[in-house]
N, C-alpha and C. Protein backbone atom coordinates (compact mmCIF):
# COMPACT_ATOMS: atom_id res chain seq x y z
N UNK A 1 30.67 1.62 15.73
CA UNK A 1 29.93 0.63 14.95
C UNK A 1 28.54 0.46 15.55
N UNK A 2 27.54 0.55 14.71
CA UNK A 2 26.16 0.43 15.18
C UNK A 2 25.75 -1.03 15.25
N UNK A 3 24.93 -1.38 16.24
CA UNK A 3 24.45 -2.77 16.31
C UNK A 3 23.50 -3.06 15.16
N UNK A 4 23.54 -4.29 14.70
CA UNK A 4 22.65 -4.71 13.61
C UNK A 4 21.22 -4.83 14.15
N UNK A 5 20.24 -4.38 13.37
CA UNK A 5 18.85 -4.48 13.84
C UNK A 5 18.42 -5.94 13.94
N UNK A 6 17.60 -6.19 14.92
CA UNK A 6 17.05 -7.53 15.12
C UNK A 6 16.14 -7.88 13.95
N UNK A 7 15.98 -9.15 13.65
CA UNK A 7 15.16 -9.58 12.52
C UNK A 7 13.73 -9.10 12.61
N UNK A 8 13.16 -9.10 13.83
CA UNK A 8 11.77 -8.66 13.96
C UNK A 8 11.65 -7.16 13.71
N UNK A 9 12.68 -6.38 14.09
CA UNK A 9 12.66 -4.95 13.79
C UNK A 9 12.69 -4.71 12.29
N UNK A 10 13.49 -5.49 11.59
CA UNK A 10 13.58 -5.37 10.13
C UNK A 10 12.24 -5.72 9.50
N UNK A 11 11.62 -6.76 10.01
CA UNK A 11 10.32 -7.17 9.49
C UNK A 11 9.27 -6.09 9.75
N UNK A 12 9.30 -5.51 10.95
CA UNK A 12 8.35 -4.46 11.30
C UNK A 12 8.52 -3.24 10.40
N UNK A 13 9.77 -2.84 10.16
CA UNK A 13 10.02 -1.71 9.26
C UNK A 13 9.56 -2.03 7.85
N UNK A 14 9.75 -3.27 7.42
CA UNK A 14 9.29 -3.67 6.09
C UNK A 14 7.78 -3.58 5.99
N UNK A 15 7.09 -4.00 7.05
CA UNK A 15 5.62 -3.89 7.06
C UNK A 15 5.21 -2.43 7.00
N UNK A 16 5.85 -1.59 7.79
CA UNK A 16 5.51 -0.17 7.76
C UNK A 16 5.75 0.43 6.39
N UNK A 17 6.86 0.05 5.77
CA UNK A 17 7.24 0.64 4.49
C UNK A 17 6.36 0.18 3.34
N UNK A 18 5.90 -1.07 3.38
CA UNK A 18 5.16 -1.61 2.24
C UNK A 18 3.66 -1.76 2.47
N UNK A 19 3.25 -2.09 3.67
CA UNK A 19 1.83 -2.37 3.90
C UNK A 19 1.04 -1.11 4.22
N UNK A 20 1.62 -0.20 4.98
CA UNK A 20 0.89 1.01 5.35
C UNK A 20 0.50 1.85 4.13
N UNK A 21 1.40 2.11 3.16
CA UNK A 21 0.95 2.85 1.97
C UNK A 21 -0.15 2.11 1.21
N UNK A 22 -0.05 0.78 1.15
CA UNK A 22 -1.09 0.01 0.47
C UNK A 22 -2.43 0.22 1.17
N UNK A 23 -2.44 0.19 2.49
CA UNK A 23 -3.68 0.40 3.23
C UNK A 23 -4.22 1.82 3.04
N UNK A 24 -3.33 2.80 3.02
CA UNK A 24 -3.78 4.18 2.82
C UNK A 24 -4.40 4.37 1.44
N UNK A 25 -3.75 3.84 0.40
CA UNK A 25 -4.31 3.97 -0.94
C UNK A 25 -5.59 3.15 -1.09
N UNK A 26 -5.67 2.00 -0.43
CA UNK A 26 -6.90 1.21 -0.47
C UNK A 26 -8.04 1.97 0.19
N UNK A 27 -7.76 2.61 1.31
CA UNK A 27 -8.80 3.40 1.99
C UNK A 27 -9.22 4.59 1.13
N UNK A 28 -8.26 5.22 0.46
CA UNK A 28 -8.59 6.33 -0.44
C UNK A 28 -9.47 5.85 -1.59
N UNK A 29 -9.11 4.69 -2.15
CA UNK A 29 -9.90 4.13 -3.25
C UNK A 29 -11.32 3.84 -2.79
N UNK A 30 -11.47 3.22 -1.63
CA UNK A 30 -12.80 2.91 -1.12
C UNK A 30 -13.58 4.19 -0.83
N UNK A 31 -12.91 5.19 -0.26
CA UNK A 31 -13.59 6.45 0.04
C UNK A 31 -14.07 7.16 -1.21
N UNK A 32 -13.23 7.20 -2.24
CA UNK A 32 -13.63 7.85 -3.49
C UNK A 32 -14.75 7.07 -4.16
N UNK A 33 -14.72 5.74 -4.09
CA UNK A 33 -15.80 4.94 -4.66
C UNK A 33 -17.12 5.24 -3.96
N UNK A 34 -17.10 5.30 -2.64
CA UNK A 34 -18.33 5.64 -1.89
C UNK A 34 -18.78 7.05 -2.24
N UNK A 35 -17.83 7.97 -2.38
CA UNK A 35 -18.18 9.35 -2.76
C UNK A 35 -18.85 9.37 -4.13
N UNK A 36 -18.33 8.57 -5.07
CA UNK A 36 -18.95 8.48 -6.40
C UNK A 36 -20.37 7.95 -6.31
N UNK A 37 -20.56 6.91 -5.53
CA UNK A 37 -21.89 6.31 -5.41
C UNK A 37 -22.86 7.31 -4.79
N UNK A 38 -22.41 8.03 -3.77
CA UNK A 38 -23.32 8.93 -3.05
C UNK A 38 -23.56 10.24 -3.80
N UNK A 39 -22.52 10.82 -4.40
CA UNK A 39 -22.64 12.18 -4.92
C UNK A 39 -22.33 12.32 -6.40
N UNK A 40 -21.86 11.28 -7.08
CA UNK A 40 -21.49 11.41 -8.49
C UNK A 40 -20.36 12.41 -8.67
N UNK A 41 -19.17 12.05 -8.27
CA UNK A 41 -18.06 13.00 -8.10
C UNK A 41 -17.52 13.58 -9.40
N UNK A 42 -17.75 12.98 -10.55
CA UNK A 42 -17.28 13.56 -11.80
C UNK A 42 -15.93 13.01 -12.25
N UNK A 43 -15.38 13.60 -13.33
CA UNK A 43 -14.16 13.04 -13.94
C UNK A 43 -12.92 13.16 -13.06
N UNK A 44 -12.79 14.23 -12.28
CA UNK A 44 -11.62 14.35 -11.40
C UNK A 44 -11.66 13.26 -10.34
N UNK A 45 -12.80 13.03 -9.77
CA UNK A 45 -12.94 11.96 -8.78
C UNK A 45 -12.67 10.60 -9.38
N UNK A 46 -13.07 10.41 -10.64
CA UNK A 46 -12.80 9.14 -11.31
C UNK A 46 -11.30 8.95 -11.51
N UNK A 47 -10.59 10.02 -11.87
CA UNK A 47 -9.13 9.93 -12.01
C UNK A 47 -8.46 9.62 -10.67
N UNK A 48 -8.93 10.25 -9.60
CA UNK A 48 -8.38 9.97 -8.27
C UNK A 48 -8.65 8.52 -7.90
N UNK A 49 -9.86 8.04 -8.19
CA UNK A 49 -10.23 6.65 -7.90
C UNK A 49 -9.31 5.69 -8.64
N UNK A 50 -9.12 5.91 -9.94
CA UNK A 50 -8.27 5.01 -10.73
C UNK A 50 -6.82 5.07 -10.29
N UNK A 51 -6.31 6.27 -10.02
CA UNK A 51 -4.91 6.41 -9.60
C UNK A 51 -4.68 5.76 -8.24
N UNK A 52 -5.57 6.00 -7.29
CA UNK A 52 -5.37 5.41 -5.96
C UNK A 52 -5.55 3.90 -6.00
N UNK A 53 -6.47 3.41 -6.83
CA UNK A 53 -6.61 1.96 -6.99
C UNK A 53 -5.38 1.34 -7.60
N UNK A 54 -4.82 1.99 -8.61
CA UNK A 54 -3.59 1.49 -9.23
C UNK A 54 -2.45 1.45 -8.22
N UNK A 55 -2.30 2.53 -7.44
CA UNK A 55 -1.22 2.58 -6.45
C UNK A 55 -1.43 1.55 -5.34
N UNK A 56 -2.68 1.30 -4.94
CA UNK A 56 -2.93 0.27 -3.93
C UNK A 56 -2.50 -1.09 -4.43
N UNK A 57 -2.83 -1.41 -5.68
CA UNK A 57 -2.43 -2.70 -6.26
C UNK A 57 -0.91 -2.75 -6.41
N UNK A 58 -0.30 -1.65 -6.85
CA UNK A 58 1.16 -1.64 -7.02
C UNK A 58 1.87 -1.86 -5.69
N UNK A 59 1.41 -1.21 -4.62
CA UNK A 59 2.04 -1.41 -3.32
C UNK A 59 1.79 -2.82 -2.80
N UNK A 60 0.61 -3.40 -3.10
CA UNK A 60 0.35 -4.78 -2.68
C UNK A 60 1.31 -5.74 -3.37
N UNK A 61 1.51 -5.56 -4.67
CA UNK A 61 2.44 -6.42 -5.42
C UNK A 61 3.86 -6.23 -4.89
N UNK A 62 4.25 -4.99 -4.63
CA UNK A 62 5.58 -4.72 -4.10
C UNK A 62 5.77 -5.37 -2.73
N UNK A 63 4.74 -5.31 -1.88
CA UNK A 63 4.84 -5.94 -0.56
C UNK A 63 5.00 -7.45 -0.68
N UNK A 64 4.27 -8.08 -1.60
CA UNK A 64 4.39 -9.53 -1.80
C UNK A 64 5.77 -9.89 -2.31
N UNK A 65 6.28 -9.13 -3.27
CA UNK A 65 7.61 -9.40 -3.82
C UNK A 65 8.68 -9.25 -2.74
N UNK A 66 8.59 -8.20 -1.94
CA UNK A 66 9.56 -8.00 -0.87
C UNK A 66 9.46 -9.10 0.17
N UNK A 67 8.24 -9.53 0.50
CA UNK A 67 8.08 -10.61 1.47
C UNK A 67 8.69 -11.90 0.94
N UNK A 68 8.46 -12.20 -0.33
CA UNK A 68 9.06 -13.41 -0.92
C UNK A 68 10.59 -13.30 -0.94
N UNK A 69 11.10 -12.12 -1.24
CA UNK A 69 12.54 -11.92 -1.23
C UNK A 69 13.11 -12.06 0.17
N UNK A 70 12.39 -11.56 1.15
CA UNK A 70 12.81 -11.67 2.55
C UNK A 70 12.80 -13.12 2.99
N UNK A 71 11.79 -13.88 2.58
CA UNK A 71 11.71 -15.30 2.95
C UNK A 71 12.82 -16.10 2.28
N UNK A 72 13.17 -15.74 1.06
CA UNK A 72 14.22 -16.45 0.34
C UNK A 72 15.60 -16.19 0.92
N UNK A 73 15.78 -15.04 1.58
CA UNK A 73 17.08 -14.69 2.14
C UNK A 73 17.39 -15.36 3.46
N UNK A 74 16.42 -16.02 4.06
CA UNK A 74 16.65 -16.64 5.36
C UNK A 74 17.14 -18.04 5.25
């Protein structure tokens, strides 16, 4: 029988699982936006910008929902 993970370990894994992808997609969105401003990246860059922005918002909403669910379970 495996020991149950400590609450802080569970919280840390939740942060890694939900916040890190949000930060990565946010950084991608910001990078593509700067690339557009500096070089005029074109339609492919615009699609990457919109997709990464959408995913950053989706992961942010998912992180908030999971955090609220985690708080409600205590």
